[in-house]
């Protein structure tokens, strides 16, 4: 019996998704190839590891017993690779970074060229998803670091503050919403407030800023992107909370928006880089944090950097 690291990696991916197609996509191979590797693994071990039941994949008892040992091995191999990569210099090789959707579209277009110029041997892979998904994938080792809003209540993660992102209110330039600048938080009409869908941290932040100690009488609509919300706002369908980092990009496409600042103290979110405390790539994360802070400073000249 001899298992390969590749087979262990494929089995781990299948155990996470419990779906052959999704697992194959996550490891960049075809579904038949992944199925063949799992079958070969089962043949070598002489026991069934997974079962298909009514279109679903479940781990057998043997698969469940084997999984923690495989993940421990994969974690040790990853630690070894991280240690070796540090000997090759800063930000060399693969780095898997997750970003929340209200940061990625505005930060990445400037961050990627900056990293390519300074660290040409870096192979950056970016995953965009909501905070809960990114946090889970970071803890499970599918990502090396994530960029998200503080705080994240997860043990075992290191937090490196990057910059402060102030909030504004966006409304239609020729709409019925007349806002006085600067705007007090309690002046936002809750029955006109449009929010991102459940799971987006900006939704919770908007409620925290605009609905403190109030009945949440909100527009029954949830969008999956900032761009969708602002299209609705520009057509006079409501208001929305807009992070400052999004203003240059979004207002370049939508000229029918009015951006109103809040009065002091200005509500904001703090953006940070998170990684596992057990990771050996501290120098890489320090370099990445520095690059993000530099780029954010170009987008947000008044941002509070780390």
C-alpha atoms as a PDB file:
ATOM      1  CA  UNK A   1       0.000   0.000   0.000  1.00  0.00           C
ATOM      2  CA  UNK A   2       1.404   3.355  -1.027  1.00  0.00           C
ATOM      3  CA  UNK A   3      -0.649   6.534  -1.192  1.00  0.00           C
ATOM      4  CA  UNK A   4       0.520   9.648  -2.995  1.00  0.00           C
ATOM      5  CA  UNK A   5       0.268  13.204  -1.717  1.00  0.00           C
ATOM      6  CA  UNK A   6      -1.770  14.000  -4.812  1.00  0.00           C
ATOM      7  CA  UNK A   7      -4.339  11.361  -3.880  1.00  0.00           C
ATOM      8  CA  UNK A   8      -4.503  12.675  -0.332  1.00  0.00           C
ATOM      9  CA  UNK A   9      -5.047  16.180  -1.693  1.00  0.00           C
ATOM     10  CA  UNK A  10      -7.869  14.954  -3.947  1.00  0.00           C
ATOM     11  CA  UNK A  11      -9.517  13.012  -1.119  1.00  0.00           C
ATOM     12  CA  UNK A  12      -9.337  16.064   1.137  1.00  0.00           C
ATOM     13  CA  UNK A  13     -10.981  18.204  -1.582  1.00  0.00           C
ATOM     14  CA  UNK A  14     -13.759  15.625  -1.986  1.00  0.00           C
ATOM     15  CA  UNK A  15     -14.305  15.439   1.774  1.00  0.00           C
ATOM     16  CA  UNK A  16     -14.699  19.233   1.896  1.00  0.00           C
ATOM     17  CA  UNK A  17     -17.206  19.575  -0.930  1.00  0.00           C
ATOM     18  CA  UNK A  18     -18.853  16.112  -0.866  1.00  0.00           C
ATOM     19  CA  UNK A  19     -19.302  16.585  -4.610  1.00  0.00           C
ATOM     20  CA  UNK A  20     -17.068  15.052  -7.289  1.00  0.00           C
ATOM     21  CA  UNK A  21     -17.556  17.890  -9.774  1.00  0.00           C
ATOM     22  CA  UNK A  22     -16.866  20.660  -7.249  1.00  0.00           C
ATOM     23  CA  UNK A  23     -13.887  18.793  -5.815  1.00  0.00           C
ATOM     24  CA  UNK A  24     -12.396  18.266  -9.269  1.00  0.00           C
ATOM     25  CA  UNK A  25     -12.810  21.946 -10.115  1.00  0.00           C
ATOM     26  CA  UNK A  26     -11.154  22.999  -6.850  1.00  0.00           C
ATOM     27  CA  UNK A  27      -8.013  20.988  -7.656  1.00  0.00           C
ATOM     28  CA  UNK A  28      -8.055  21.805 -11.392  1.00  0.00           C
ATOM     29  CA  UNK A  29      -8.555  18.312 -12.808  1.00  0.00           C
ATOM     30  CA  UNK A  30     -11.436  16.604 -14.604  1.00  0.00           C
ATOM     31  CA  UNK A  31     -14.114  14.767 -12.670  1.00  0.00           C
ATOM     32  CA  UNK A  32     -13.255  11.366 -14.237  1.00  0.00           C
ATOM     33  CA  UNK A  33      -9.599  11.871 -13.307  1.00  0.00           C
ATOM     34  CA  UNK A  34     -10.483  12.651  -9.697  1.00  0.00           C
ATOM     35  CA  UNK A  35     -12.847   9.661  -9.521  1.00  0.00           C
ATOM     36  CA  UNK A  36     -10.090   7.417 -10.866  1.00  0.00           C
ATOM     37  CA  UNK A  37      -7.633   8.652  -8.252  1.00  0.00           C
ATOM     38  CA  UNK A  38     -10.120   8.067  -5.427  1.00  0.00           C
ATOM     39  CA  UNK A  39     -10.848   4.562  -6.735  1.00  0.00           C
ATOM     40  CA  UNK A  40      -7.113   3.808  -6.917  1.00  0.00           C
ATOM     41  CA  UNK A  41      -6.734   5.095  -3.370  1.00  0.00           C
ATOM     42  CA  UNK A  42      -9.524   2.788  -2.208  1.00  0.00           C
ATOM     43  CA  UNK A  43      -7.933  -0.159  -4.012  1.00  0.00           C
ATOM     44  CA  UNK A  44      -4.576   0.478  -2.352  1.00  0.00           C
ATOM     45  CA  UNK A  45      -6.222   0.701   1.086  1.00  0.00           C
ATOM     46  CA  UNK A  46      -8.568  -2.207   0.350  1.00  0.00           C
ATOM     47  CA  UNK A  47     -11.547  -0.355   1.818  1.00  0.00           C
ATOM     48  CA  UNK A  48     -14.302   1.935   0.592  1.00  0.00           C
ATOM     49  CA  UNK A  49     -13.778   5.614   1.499  1.00  0.00           C
ATOM     50  CA  UNK A  50     -16.807   7.308  -0.108  1.00  0.00           C
ATOM     51  CA  UNK A  51     -20.309   6.312  -1.130  1.00  0.00           C
ATOM     52  CA  UNK A  52     -22.811   7.869  -3.511  1.00  0.00           C
ATOM     53  CA  UNK A  53     -26.307   8.033  -2.026  1.00  0.00           C
ATOM     54  CA  UNK A  54     -29.165   9.566  -4.015  1.00  0.00           C
ATOM     55  CA  UNK A  55     -26.804  11.861  -5.879  1.00  0.00           C
ATOM     56  CA  UNK A  56     -24.893  12.824  -2.732  1.00  0.00           C
ATOM     57  CA  UNK A  57     -21.404  11.842  -1.612  1.00  0.00           C
ATOM     58  CA  UNK A  58     -20.832  10.673   1.964  1.00  0.00           C
ATOM     59  CA  UNK A  59     -17.685   9.463   3.660  1.00  0.00           C
ATOM     60  CA  UNK A  60     -17.708   5.908   4.913  1.00  0.00           C
ATOM     61  CA  UNK A  61     -16.593   5.120   8.457  1.00  0.00           C
ATOM     62  CA  UNK A  62     -13.160   4.253   7.079  1.00  0.00           C
ATOM     63  CA  UNK A  63     -13.041   7.562   5.188  1.00  0.00           C
ATOM     64  CA  UNK A  64     -13.978   9.503   8.300  1.00  0.00           C
ATOM     65  CA  UNK A  65     -11.239   7.786  10.327  1.00  0.00           C
ATOM     66  CA  UNK A  66      -8.645   8.394   7.636  1.00  0.00           C
ATOM     67  CA  UNK A  67      -9.471  12.073   6.982  1.00  0.00           C
ATOM     68  CA  UNK A  68      -7.833  13.673  10.091  1.00  0.00           C
ATOM     69  CA  UNK A  69      -4.606  11.742   9.470  1.00  0.00           C
ATOM     70  CA  UNK A  70      -4.525  12.849   5.836  1.00  0.00           C
ATOM     71  CA  UNK A  71      -5.145  16.468   6.783  1.00  0.00           C
ATOM     72  CA  UNK A  72      -2.375  16.302   9.367  1.00  0.00           C
ATOM     73  CA  UNK A  73       0.033  15.011   6.722  1.00  0.00           C
ATOM     74  CA  UNK A  74      -1.020  17.666   4.224  1.00  0.00           C
ATOM     75  CA  UNK A  75      -0.611  20.342   6.908  1.00  0.00           C
ATOM     76  CA  UNK A  76       2.912  19.136   7.701  1.00  0.00           C
ATOM     77  CA  UNK A  77       3.813  19.155   4.012  1.00  0.00           C
ATOM     78  CA  UNK A  78       2.435  22.681   3.653  1.00  0.00           C
ATOM     79  CA  UNK A  79       4.494  23.836   6.646  1.00  0.00           C
ATOM     80  CA  UNK A  80       7.591  22.306   5.073  1.00  0.00           C
ATOM     81  CA  UNK A  81       6.893  24.024   1.754  1.00  0.00           C
ATOM     82  CA  UNK A  82       6.366  27.348   3.539  1.00  0.00           C
ATOM     83  CA  UNK A  83       9.668  26.993   5.366  1.00  0.00           C
ATOM     84  CA  UNK A  84      11.530  26.213   2.142  1.00  0.00           C
ATOM     85  CA  UNK A  85       9.824  29.060   0.264  1.00  0.00           C
ATOM     86  CA  UNK A  86      11.115  31.583   2.806  1.00  0.00           C
ATOM     87  CA  UNK A  87      14.671  30.533   1.947  1.00  0.00           C
ATOM     88  CA  UNK A  88      14.027  31.558  -1.674  1.00  0.00           C
ATOM     89  CA  UNK A  89      13.136  35.147  -0.734  1.00  0.00           C
ATOM     90  CA  UNK A  90      10.034  37.237  -0.178  1.00  0.00           C
ATOM     91  CA  UNK A  91       6.808  36.394  -2.017  1.00  0.00           C
ATOM     92  CA  UNK A  92       8.183  33.652  -4.226  1.00  0.00           C
ATOM     93  CA  UNK A  93       5.910  30.883  -5.519  1.00  0.00           C
ATOM     94  CA  UNK A  94       2.231  30.320  -4.786  1.00  0.00           C
ATOM     95  CA  UNK A  95       0.217  32.535  -2.472  1.00  0.00           C
ATOM     96  CA  UNK A  96      -3.532  31.979  -2.102  1.00  0.00           C
ATOM     97  CA  UNK A  97      -5.326  35.100  -0.889  1.00  0.00           C
ATOM     98  CA  UNK A  98      -9.023  35.611  -0.270  1.00  0.00           C
ATOM     99  CA  UNK A  99     -10.796  38.994  -0.424  1.00  0.00           C
ATOM    100  CA  UNK A 100     -14.320  40.107   0.371  1.00  0.00           C
ATOM    101  CA  UNK A 101     -16.389  41.366  -2.614  1.00  0.00           C
ATOM    102  CA  UNK A 102     -16.524  44.952  -1.347  1.00  0.00           C
ATOM    103  CA  UNK A 103     -12.722  45.172  -1.404  1.00  0.00           C
ATOM    104  CA  UNK A 104     -11.476  42.951  -4.252  1.00  0.00           C
ATOM    105  CA  UNK A 105     -12.829  44.887  -7.299  1.00  0.00           C
ATOM    106  CA  UNK A 106     -11.329  48.146  -6.046  1.00  0.00           C
ATOM    107  CA  UNK A 107      -8.014  46.981  -4.599  1.00  0.00           C
ATOM    108  CA  UNK A 108      -6.896  44.241  -7.009  1.00  0.00           C
ATOM    109  CA  UNK A 109      -6.571  46.327 -10.228  1.00  0.00           C
ATOM    110  CA  UNK A 110      -3.824  48.364  -8.541  1.00  0.00           C
ATOM    111  CA  UNK A 111      -2.455  45.703  -6.197  1.00  0.00           C
ATOM    112  CA  UNK A 112      -1.689  43.037  -8.800  1.00  0.00           C
ATOM    113  CA  UNK A 113       0.515  45.260 -11.036  1.00  0.00           C
ATOM    114  CA  UNK A 114       2.264  46.556  -7.915  1.00  0.00           C
ATOM    115  CA  UNK A 115       3.040  43.017  -6.741  1.00  0.00           C
ATOM    116  CA  UNK A 116       4.114  41.899 -10.230  1.00  0.00           C
ATOM    117  CA  UNK A 117       6.595  44.756 -10.440  1.00  0.00           C
ATOM    118  CA  UNK A 118       8.084  44.191  -6.972  1.00  0.00           C
ATOM    119  CA  UNK A 119       7.807  40.401  -6.708  1.00  0.00           C
ATOM    120  CA  UNK A 120       7.990  38.944 -10.232  1.00  0.00           C
ATOM    121  CA  UNK A 121       8.345  35.353  -8.944  1.00  0.00           C
ATOM    122  CA  UNK A 122       5.067  35.504  -7.032  1.00  0.00           C
ATOM    123  CA  UNK A 123       2.195  33.343  -8.310  1.00  0.00           C
ATOM    124  CA  UNK A 124      -0.812  35.047  -6.713  1.00  0.00           C
ATOM    125  CA  UNK A 125      -4.128  33.224  -6.686  1.00  0.00           C
ATOM    126  CA  UNK A 126      -7.106  35.306  -5.508  1.00  0.00           C
ATOM    127  CA  UNK A 127     -10.442  34.014  -4.232  1.00  0.00           C
ATOM    128  CA  UNK A 128     -13.389  36.395  -3.815  1.00  0.00           C
ATOM    129  CA  UNK A 129     -16.098  35.362  -1.341  1.00  0.00           C
ATOM    130  CA  UNK A 130     -17.977  36.518   1.745  1.00  0.00           C
ATOM    131  CA  UNK A 131     -16.169  36.647   5.084  1.00  0.00           C
ATOM    132  CA  UNK A 132     -17.570  33.425   6.565  1.00  0.00           C
ATOM    133  CA  UNK A 133     -16.526  31.399   3.514  1.00  0.00           C
ATOM    134  CA  UNK A 134     -13.054  32.928   3.408  1.00  0.00           C
ATOM    135  CA  UNK A 135     -12.528  32.388   7.131  1.00  0.00           C
ATOM    136  CA  UNK A 136     -13.499  28.732   6.894  1.00  0.00           C
ATOM    137  CA  UNK A 137     -11.178  28.165   3.930  1.00  0.00           C
ATOM    138  CA  UNK A 138      -8.336  29.961   5.716  1.00  0.00           C
ATOM    139  CA  UNK A 139      -8.731  27.830   8.839  1.00  0.00           C
ATOM    140  CA  UNK A 140      -8.924  24.655   6.737  1.00  0.00           C
ATOM    141  CA  UNK A 141      -5.749  25.555   4.844  1.00  0.00           C
ATOM    142  CA  UNK A 142      -7.321  26.204   1.451  1.00  0.00           C
ATOM    143  CA  UNK A 143      -6.167  29.841   1.630  1.00  0.00           C
ATOM    144  CA  UNK A 144      -2.944  31.315   2.997  1.00  0.00           C
ATOM    145  CA  UNK A 145      -4.365  34.713   3.991  1.00  0.00           C
ATOM    146  CA  UNK A 146      -7.518  36.793   3.612  1.00  0.00           C
ATOM    147  CA  UNK A 147      -8.315  40.499   3.376  1.00  0.00           C
ATOM    148  CA  UNK A 148     -11.526  41.355   5.222  1.00  0.00           C
ATOM    149  CA  UNK A 149     -13.084  43.751   7.711  1.00  0.00           C
ATOM    150  CA  UNK A 150     -12.214  43.481  11.375  1.00  0.00           C
ATOM    151  CA  UNK A 151     -12.985  41.773  13.618  1.00  0.00           C
ATOM    152  CA  UNK A 152     -13.073  38.072  12.778  1.00  0.00           C
ATOM    153  CA  UNK A 153     -13.883  36.021  15.850  1.00  0.00           C
ATOM    154  CA  UNK A 154     -11.864  32.923  15.041  1.00  0.00           C
ATOM    155  CA  UNK A 155      -9.208  31.479  17.317  1.00  0.00           C
ATOM    156  CA  UNK A 156      -5.810  30.821  15.812  1.00  0.00           C
ATOM    157  CA  UNK A 157      -5.735  33.752  13.393  1.00  0.00           C
ATOM    158  CA  UNK A 158      -3.321  36.668  13.396  1.00  0.00           C
ATOM    159  CA  UNK A 159      -4.742  40.095  12.481  1.00  0.00           C
ATOM    160  CA  UNK A 160      -2.659  42.776  10.758  1.00  0.00           C
ATOM    161  CA  UNK A 161      -4.465  46.113  10.378  1.00  0.00           C
ATOM    162  CA  UNK A 162      -4.123  47.546   6.862  1.00  0.00           C
ATOM    163  CA  UNK A 163      -6.232  50.688   6.486  1.00  0.00           C
ATOM    164  CA  UNK A 164      -9.406  52.470   7.565  1.00  0.00           C
ATOM    165  CA  UNK A 165     -12.209  52.750   5.016  1.00  0.00           C
ATOM    166  CA  UNK A 166     -14.734  55.530   5.696  1.00  0.00           C
ATOM    167  CA  UNK A 167     -18.429  55.221   4.852  1.00  0.00           C
ATOM    168  CA  UNK A 168     -20.549  57.583   2.756  1.00  0.00           C
ATOM    169  CA  UNK A 169     -24.190  57.571   1.673  1.00  0.00           C
ATOM    170  CA  UNK A 170     -24.962  57.276  -2.037  1.00  0.00           C
ATOM    171  CA  UNK A 171     -28.196  58.659  -3.473  1.00  0.00           C
ATOM    172  CA  UNK A 172     -29.557  59.589  -6.884  1.00  0.00           C
ATOM    173  CA  UNK A 173     -28.378  63.000  -8.066  1.00  0.00           C
ATOM    174  CA  UNK A 174     -31.846  63.957  -9.284  1.00  0.00           C
ATOM    175  CA  UNK A 175     -33.858  61.775  -6.937  1.00  0.00           C
ATOM    176  CA  UNK A 176     -36.329  62.493  -4.168  1.00  0.00           C
ATOM    177  CA  UNK A 177     -33.780  61.951  -1.397  1.00  0.00           C
ATOM    178  CA  UNK A 178     -32.429  65.309  -0.260  1.00  0.00           C
ATOM    179  CA  UNK A 179     -29.505  64.809   2.121  1.00  0.00           C
ATOM    180  CA  UNK A 180     -27.786  67.500   4.118  1.00  0.00           C
ATOM    181  CA  UNK A 181     -23.986  67.389   4.228  1.00  0.00           C
ATOM    182  CA  UNK A 182     -22.425  66.378   6.524  1.00  0.00           C
ATOM    183  CA  UNK A 183     -25.004  63.759   7.386  1.00  0.00           C
ATOM    184  CA  UNK A 184     -25.824  62.535  10.893  1.00  0.00           C
ATOM    185  CA  UNK A 185     -26.304  58.781  11.131  1.00  0.00           C
ATOM    186  CA  UNK A 186     -29.875  59.128  12.418  1.00  0.00           C
ATOM    187  CA  UNK A 187     -30.845  61.175   9.347  1.00  0.00           C
ATOM    188  CA  UNK A 188     -30.660  58.176   7.003  1.00  0.00           C
ATOM    189  CA  UNK A 189     -34.157  57.090   5.964  1.00  0.00           C
ATOM    190  CA  UNK A 190     -34.237  53.401   6.848  1.00  0.00           C
ATOM    191  CA  UNK A 191     -37.195  52.698   4.599  1.00  0.00           C
ATOM    192  CA  UNK A 192     -35.022  53.834   1.666  1.00  0.00           C
ATOM    193  CA  UNK A 193     -31.899  51.901   2.595  1.00  0.00           C
ATOM    194  CA  UNK A 194     -30.785  49.215   0.125  1.00  0.00           C
ATOM    195  CA  UNK A 195     -28.482  46.485   1.428  1.00  0.00           C
ATOM    196  CA  UNK A 196     -26.263  43.743   0.130  1.00  0.00           C
ATOM    197  CA  UNK A 197     -27.586  40.209   0.532  1.00  0.00           C
ATOM    198  CA  UNK A 198     -27.339  38.189   3.742  1.00  0.00           C
ATOM    199  CA  UNK A 199     -23.810  37.072   4.542  1.00  0.00           C
ATOM    200  CA  UNK A 200     -22.038  40.198   3.288  1.00  0.00           C
ATOM    201  CA  UNK A 201     -20.299  41.976   6.134  1.00  0.00           C
ATOM    202  CA  UNK A 202     -21.142  45.362   4.584  1.00  0.00           C
ATOM    203  CA  UNK A 203     -24.818  44.578   5.159  1.00  0.00           C
ATOM    204  CA  UNK A 204     -24.181  44.184   8.880  1.00  0.00           C
ATOM    205  CA  UNK A 205     -22.050  47.325   8.911  1.00  0.00           C
ATOM    206  CA  UNK A 206     -24.810  49.313   7.200  1.00  0.00           C
ATOM    207  CA  UNK A 207     -27.306  48.154   9.802  1.00  0.00           C
ATOM    208  CA  UNK A 208     -24.882  49.028  12.584  1.00  0.00           C
ATOM    209  CA  UNK A 209     -24.345  52.536  11.198  1.00  0.00           C
ATOM    210  CA  UNK A 210     -27.854  53.417  10.062  1.00  0.00           C
ATOM    211  CA  UNK A 211     -30.195  51.365  12.231  1.00  0.00           C
ATOM    212  CA  UNK A 212     -28.853  51.769  15.755  1.00  0.00           C
ATOM    213  CA  UNK A 213     -31.580  51.103  18.318  1.00  0.00           C
ATOM    214  CA  UNK A 214     -34.254  51.416  15.646  1.00  0.00           C
ATOM    215  CA  UNK A 215     -36.830  49.144  14.140  1.00  0.00           C
ATOM    216  CA  UNK A 216     -35.264  47.848  10.946  1.00  0.00           C
ATOM    217  CA  UNK A 217     -37.801  48.928   8.354  1.00  0.00           C
ATOM    218  CA  UNK A 218     -35.698  48.206   5.300  1.00  0.00           C
ATOM    219  CA  UNK A 219     -36.268  47.782   1.581  1.00  0.00           C
ATOM    220  CA  UNK A 220     -36.911  44.096   0.928  1.00  0.00           C
ATOM    221  CA  UNK A 221     -34.102  43.658  -1.566  1.00  0.00           C
ATOM    222  CA  UNK A 222     -30.688  42.041  -1.308  1.00  0.00           C
ATOM    223  CA  UNK A 223     -28.026  42.469  -3.991  1.00  0.00           C
ATOM    224  CA  UNK A 224     -24.876  40.427  -4.402  1.00  0.00           C
ATOM    225  CA  UNK A 225     -22.654  43.286  -5.564  1.00  0.00           C
ATOM    226  CA  UNK A 226     -21.989  46.941  -4.829  1.00  0.00           C
ATOM    227  CA  UNK A 227     -22.423  47.734  -8.529  1.00  0.00           C
ATOM    228  CA  UNK A 228     -25.973  46.319  -8.550  1.00  0.00           C
ATOM    229  CA  UNK A 229     -26.921  48.370  -5.506  1.00  0.00           C
ATOM    230  CA  UNK A 230     -25.582  51.557  -7.023  1.00  0.00           C
ATOM    231  CA  UNK A 231     -27.439  50.971 -10.283  1.00  0.00           C
ATOM    232  CA  UNK A 232     -30.652  50.858  -8.267  1.00  0.00           C
ATOM    233  CA  UNK A 233     -29.664  53.928  -6.284  1.00  0.00           C
ATOM    234  CA  UNK A 234     -28.812  55.891  -9.432  1.00  0.00           C
ATOM    235  CA  UNK A 235     -32.336  55.222 -10.682  1.00  0.00           C
ATOM    236  CA  UNK A 236     -33.865  56.710  -7.556  1.00  0.00           C
ATOM    237  CA  UNK A 237     -34.867  53.434  -5.892  1.00  0.00           C
ATOM    238  CA  UNK A 238     -33.189  54.140  -2.560  1.00  0.00           C
ATOM    239  CA  UNK A 239     -29.996  54.899  -0.664  1.00  0.00           C
ATOM    240  CA  UNK A 240     -27.023  52.742   0.195  1.00  0.00           C
ATOM    241  CA  UNK A 241     -23.936  52.793   2.377  1.00  0.00           C
ATOM    242  CA  UNK A 242     -20.839  53.199   0.213  1.00  0.00           C
ATOM    243  CA  UNK A 243     -17.269  52.471   1.348  1.00  0.00           C
ATOM    244  CA  UNK A 244     -14.767  55.103   0.278  1.00  0.00           C
ATOM    245  CA  UNK A 245     -12.544  52.586  -1.522  1.00  0.00           C
ATOM    246  CA  UNK A 246     -15.385  51.941  -3.999  1.00  0.00           C
ATOM    247  CA  UNK A 247     -16.045  55.586  -4.880  1.00  0.00           C
ATOM    248  CA  UNK A 248     -13.415  56.130  -7.635  1.00  0.00           C
ATOM    249  CA  UNK A 249     -14.467  53.035  -9.601  1.00  0.00           C
ATOM    250  CA  UNK A 250     -18.220  53.210  -9.120  1.00  0.00           C
ATOM    251  CA  UNK A 251     -18.624  56.937  -9.743  1.00  0.00           C
ATOM    252  CA  UNK A 252     -16.555  56.659 -12.929  1.00  0.00           C
ATOM    253  CA  UNK A 253     -19.350  54.560 -14.432  1.00  0.00           C
ATOM    254  CA  UNK A 254     -22.329  56.183 -12.739  1.00  0.00           C
ATOM    255  CA  UNK A 255     -22.450  59.963 -13.036  1.00  0.00           C
ATOM    256  CA  UNK A 256     -25.982  60.221 -11.620  1.00  0.00           C
ATOM    257  CA  UNK A 257     -24.950  59.622  -8.012  1.00  0.00           C
ATOM    258  CA  UNK A 258     -24.600  62.033  -5.124  1.00  0.00           C
ATOM    259  CA  UNK A 259     -22.054  60.993  -2.492  1.00  0.00           C
ATOM    260  CA  UNK A 260     -22.785  62.520   0.917  1.00  0.00           C
ATOM    261  CA  UNK A 261     -20.272  62.367   3.792  1.00  0.00           C
ATOM    262  CA  UNK A 262     -21.199  61.710   7.406  1.00  0.00           C
ATOM    263  CA  UNK A 263     -20.553  64.175  10.203  1.00  0.00           C
ATOM    264  CA  UNK A 264     -17.802  63.421  12.725  1.00  0.00           C
ATOM    265  CA  UNK A 265     -17.202  60.890  14.087  1.00  0.00           C
ATOM    266  CA  UNK A 266     -17.313  59.411  10.594  1.00  0.00           C
ATOM    267  CA  UNK A 267     -18.433  55.762  10.562  1.00  0.00           C
ATOM    268  CA  UNK A 268     -15.878  53.419   9.034  1.00  0.00           C
ATOM    269  CA  UNK A 269     -14.634  49.870   8.773  1.00  0.00           C
ATOM    270  CA  UNK A 270     -11.106  48.659   9.503  1.00  0.00           C
ATOM    271  CA  UNK A 271      -9.613  46.386   6.861  1.00  0.00           C
ATOM    272  CA  UNK A 272      -7.036  43.812   7.904  1.00  0.00           C
ATOM    273  CA  UNK A 273      -4.952  40.911   6.644  1.00  0.00           C
ATOM    274  CA  UNK A 274      -5.602  37.638   8.467  1.00  0.00           C
ATOM    275  CA  UNK A 275      -3.496  34.480   8.475  1.00  0.00           C
ATOM    276  CA  UNK A 276      -3.077  31.369  10.603  1.00  0.00           C
ATOM    277  CA  UNK A 277      -0.791  31.865  13.586  1.00  0.00           C
ATOM    278  CA  UNK A 278       0.743  28.482  12.791  1.00  0.00           C
ATOM    279  CA  UNK A 279       1.912  29.617   9.338  1.00  0.00           C
ATOM    280  CA  UNK A 280       5.640  29.955   8.717  1.00  0.00           C
ATOM    281  CA  UNK A 281       5.202  32.676   6.066  1.00  0.00           C
ATOM    282  CA  UNK A 282       5.328  35.691   8.368  1.00  0.00           C
ATOM    283  CA  UNK A 283       7.863  37.586   6.178  1.00  0.00           C
ATOM    284  CA  UNK A 284       5.630  37.033   3.126  1.00  0.00           C
ATOM    285  CA  UNK A 285       2.551  38.282   4.938  1.00  0.00           C
ATOM    286  CA  UNK A 286       4.459  41.320   6.170  1.00  0.00           C
ATOM    287  CA  UNK A 287       5.486  42.128   2.583  1.00  0.00           C
ATOM    288  CA  UNK A 288       1.922  41.592   1.346  1.00  0.00           C
ATOM    289  CA  UNK A 289       0.507  43.814   4.097  1.00  0.00           C
ATOM    290  CA  UNK A 290       2.975  46.530   3.161  1.00  0.00           C
ATOM    291  CA  UNK A 291       1.997  46.303  -0.506  1.00  0.00           C
ATOM    292  CA  UNK A 292      -1.727  46.483   0.280  1.00  0.00           C
ATOM    293  CA  UNK A 293      -1.246  49.453   2.601  1.00  0.00           C
ATOM    294  CA  UNK A 294       0.781  51.256  -0.075  1.00  0.00           C
ATOM    295  CA  UNK A 295      -1.860  50.689  -2.764  1.00  0.00           C
ATOM    296  CA  UNK A 296      -4.716  51.597  -0.416  1.00  0.00           C
ATOM    297  CA  UNK A 297      -2.897  54.842   0.352  1.00  0.00           C
ATOM    298  CA  UNK A 298      -3.007  55.692  -3.356  1.00  0.00           C
ATOM    299  CA  UNK A 299      -6.760  55.043  -3.490  1.00  0.00           C
ATOM    300  CA  UNK A 300      -7.530  56.561  -0.108  1.00  0.00           C
ATOM    301  CA  UNK A 301      -5.062  59.398   0.547  1.00  0.00           C
ATOM    302  CA  UNK A 302      -6.606  60.079   3.946  1.00  0.00           C
ATOM    303  CA  UNK A 303      -6.890  56.441   5.003  1.00  0.00           C
ATOM    304  CA  UNK A 304      -5.447  55.427   8.361  1.00  0.00           C
ATOM    305  CA  UNK A 305      -2.759  52.975   7.394  1.00  0.00           C
ATOM    306  CA  UNK A 306      -1.285  50.353   9.671  1.00  0.00           C
END
